[in-house]
Protein backbone atom coordinates (compact mmCIF):
# COMPACT_ATOMS: atom_id res chain seq x y z
CA MET A 1 0.00 0.00 0.00
CA SER A 2 1.24 3.49 -0.79
CA ILE A 3 0.14 6.58 1.14
CA ASP A 4 0.67 10.07 -0.30
CA THR A 5 1.24 12.73 2.37
CA ALA A 6 1.59 15.64 -0.03
CA ASN A 7 -1.98 16.11 -1.33
CA GLY A 8 -5.71 15.58 -0.52
CA GLU A 9 -7.41 13.92 2.43
CA ARG A 10 -7.30 10.17 2.95
CA ALA A 11 -8.64 9.44 -0.51
CA ALA A 12 -7.62 6.71 -2.90
CA SER A 13 -4.98 7.90 -5.34
CA GLY A 14 -4.33 4.70 -7.26
CA ALA A 15 -4.11 0.99 -6.48
CA GLY A 16 -3.41 0.70 -2.78
CA GLN A 17 -2.55 4.39 -2.40
CA VAL A 18 -4.05 6.79 0.12
CA GLY A 19 -3.48 10.57 0.35
CA THR A 20 -3.50 13.19 3.13
CA ALA A 21 -4.63 16.82 2.78
CA ALA A 22 -2.24 19.75 2.56
CA ASN A 23 -3.91 21.23 5.64
CA GLY A 24 -3.22 17.95 7.50
CA SER A 25 0.34 17.97 6.22
CA ALA A 26 0.93 21.45 7.67
CA ARG A 27 -0.35 20.20 11.04
CA ARG A 28 2.04 17.24 10.92
CA GLU A 29 4.98 19.49 9.96
CA ALA A 30 4.54 21.29 13.24
CA ALA A 31 4.15 18.06 15.21
CA GLU A 32 6.99 16.11 13.54
CA PRO A 33 10.59 17.16 13.21
CA ARG A 34 11.49 17.64 9.54
CA ALA A 35 13.93 14.71 9.67
CA ALA A 36 11.11 12.35 10.63
CA THR A 37 8.96 13.08 7.60
CA GLY A 38 11.25 11.23 5.22
CA GLU A 39 12.09 14.47 3.38
CA SER A 40 15.83 14.03 3.87
CA GLY A 41 15.87 10.37 2.92
CA PRO A 42 13.69 7.29 3.29
CA VAL A 43 12.66 6.37 6.83
CA ILE A 44 11.75 2.84 7.89
CA VAL A 45 9.48 2.53 10.93
CA PHE A 46 9.87 -0.85 12.62
CA ASP A 47 8.95 -2.64 15.85
CA GLY A 48 11.98 -2.06 18.07
CA VAL A 49 11.20 -4.90 20.50
CA CYS A 50 10.43 -7.56 17.88
CA VAL A 51 13.25 -10.08 17.36
CA LEU A 52 12.26 -10.68 13.72
CA CYS A 53 12.01 -6.95 12.98
CA ASN A 54 15.40 -6.26 14.54
CA GLY A 55 16.84 -9.03 12.38
CA TRP A 56 15.41 -7.25 9.31
CA ILE A 57 16.95 -3.94 10.40
CA GLY A 58 20.28 -5.68 11.01
CA PHE A 59 20.11 -7.10 7.48
CA LEU A 60 19.41 -3.63 6.09
CA LEU A 61 22.24 -2.05 8.06
CA ARG A 62 24.67 -4.64 6.65
CA HIS A 63 23.47 -4.42 3.04
CA ASP A 64 22.57 -0.73 2.68
CA ARG A 65 26.09 0.26 1.66
CA ALA A 66 24.89 3.62 0.32
CA ARG A 67 23.44 4.35 3.79
CA ARG A 68 20.20 5.31 2.08
CA TYR A 69 17.76 4.34 4.83
CA ARG A 70 17.16 5.80 8.27
CA TYR A 71 15.25 4.03 11.01
CA ALA A 72 12.65 4.87 13.66
CA ALA A 73 11.40 2.35 16.21
CA MET A 74 7.62 2.51 16.51
CA GLN A 75 8.07 2.78 20.27
CA GLY A 76 9.88 6.13 19.90
CA ALA A 77 8.43 9.60 19.29
CA HIS A 78 9.43 9.74 15.61
CA GLY A 79 8.11 6.26 14.85
CA ARG A 80 4.82 6.84 16.67
CA GLY A 81 4.38 10.19 14.91
CA LEU A 82 4.97 8.70 11.47
CA LEU A 83 2.61 5.78 12.11
CA ALA A 84 -0.15 8.11 13.30
CA ALA A 85 0.44 10.55 10.43
CA HIS A 86 -0.06 7.73 7.94
CA GLY A 87 -3.19 6.25 9.48
CA LEU A 88 -1.57 3.37 11.38
CA ASP A 89 -2.31 2.79 15.06
CA PRO A 90 0.94 3.32 17.00
CA ASP A 91 -0.44 1.23 19.88
CA ASP A 92 -1.41 -1.75 17.70
CA PRO A 93 0.95 -1.74 14.74
CA VAL A 94 0.67 -4.74 12.44
CA SER A 95 2.62 -3.18 9.63
CA PHE A 96 6.01 -2.03 8.57
CA LEU A 97 6.13 1.55 7.25
CA LEU A 98 8.46 3.12 4.68
CA VAL A 99 8.24 6.91 4.18
CA GLU A 100 10.04 8.30 1.14
CA ASP A 101 9.64 11.50 -0.88
CA GLY A 102 6.44 12.46 0.93
CA ARG A 103 4.81 9.07 0.28
CA ALA A 104 4.49 5.98 2.43
CA TRP A 105 4.30 2.26 1.78
CA THR A 106 3.23 -0.57 4.08
CA ASP A 107 3.32 -4.35 4.21
CA THR A 108 4.83 -6.18 1.24
CA ASP A 109 4.86 -3.05 -0.94
CA ALA A 110 7.23 -1.48 1.59
CA ILE A 111 9.43 -4.58 1.71
CA ALA A 112 9.67 -4.74 -2.10
CA ARG A 113 10.52 -1.04 -2.32
CA VAL A 114 13.21 -1.31 0.37
CA LEU A 115 14.82 -4.33 -1.33
CA ALA A 116 14.80 -2.53 -4.69
CA GLY A 117 16.42 0.47 -3.00
CA LEU A 118 19.33 -1.66 -1.79
CA GLY A 119 20.34 -2.25 -5.40
CA GLY A 120 22.44 -5.12 -6.69
CA ILE A 121 21.12 -8.63 -6.29
CA TRP A 122 18.62 -7.46 -3.67
CA ARG A 123 16.56 -5.78 -6.40
CA ALA A 124 15.38 -9.27 -7.32
CA GLY A 125 13.48 -9.35 -4.03
CA ALA A 126 11.18 -6.68 -5.43
CA SER A 127 9.78 -9.39 -7.71
CA ILE A 128 7.34 -10.22 -4.89
CA ARG A 129 5.25 -7.44 -6.45
CA TRP A 130 4.37 -9.92 -9.18
CA LEU A 131 2.27 -11.85 -6.71
CA PRO A 132 -1.18 -10.35 -6.21
CA ARG A 133 -1.39 -8.18 -3.10
CA ALA A 134 -4.44 -10.24 -2.05
CA LEU A 135 -2.07 -13.23 -1.60
CA ARG A 136 1.10 -11.62 -0.24
CA ASP A 137 -0.32 -9.12 2.27
CA PRO A 138 -2.45 -11.65 4.22
CA LEU A 139 0.65 -13.82 4.60
CA TYR A 140 2.62 -10.76 5.77
CA ARG A 141 -0.10 -9.90 8.30
CA LEU A 142 -0.24 -13.48 9.58
CA ILE A 143 3.48 -13.28 10.35
CA ALA A 144 3.13 -9.74 11.78
CA ARG A 145 0.30 -10.77 14.13
CA ASN A 146 2.31 -13.75 15.42
CA ARG A 147 5.81 -12.24 15.39
CA TYR A 148 6.26 -12.20 19.16
CA ARG A 149 4.94 -15.73 19.62
CA TRP A 150 7.00 -17.22 16.77
CA PHE A 151 10.22 -15.18 16.96
CA GLY A 152 10.28 -13.59 20.41
CA ARG A 153 10.28 -10.14 21.95
CA TYR A 154 12.95 -8.05 23.65
CA GLU A 155 12.16 -6.25 26.91
CA HIS A 156 13.52 -2.97 25.48
CA CYS A 157 14.43 -1.61 22.06
CA LEU A 158 17.97 -2.55 21.14
CA LEU A 159 20.44 0.32 21.08
CA PRO A 160 22.35 1.01 17.87
CA THR A 161 26.13 1.07 17.90
CA ALA A 162 27.90 4.43 17.88
CA GLU A 163 28.49 4.02 14.13
CA GLN A 164 24.81 3.25 13.46
CA ARG A 165 23.39 5.92 15.77
CA THR A 166 23.25 8.65 13.08
CA ARG A 167 20.89 6.48 11.03
CA PHE A 168 18.30 6.19 13.83
CA LEU A 169 15.82 8.98 14.54
CA ASP A 170 15.15 8.03 18.19
């Protein structure tokens, strides 16, 4: 799913896309620091206490050689703000959020876009888009709903290393 934060209210703007009004965007500008809006590079919002999600972020940190992506745990102020701004419940998140160039993607669309953004062989991972969203997103949500039970949960968000710290918003 793609969400456009640069124009109209939450109205469909293409297959799986949702928009947000300019007046809403001005309100969010005041509430969110500019860095958290994804305007200075793509931001990935993830579950900071989820073992599986932290594994995904670790993978991205190792393979994002261009240092393209920045990260915000959904338990932090930036992550919560981005989730809320894009219509996702910060207290019951079942999705992964990518914010880039004023637009947002969730679920398998976000995963495919992130993999394509890594370049190289990882672009092939974006081929999941060939599967109908009606098949891939329910599978994603099944895993998301059971992530703590199947993969575990940390008591606290993991802290990035000193080298990684500049890539995290919270």
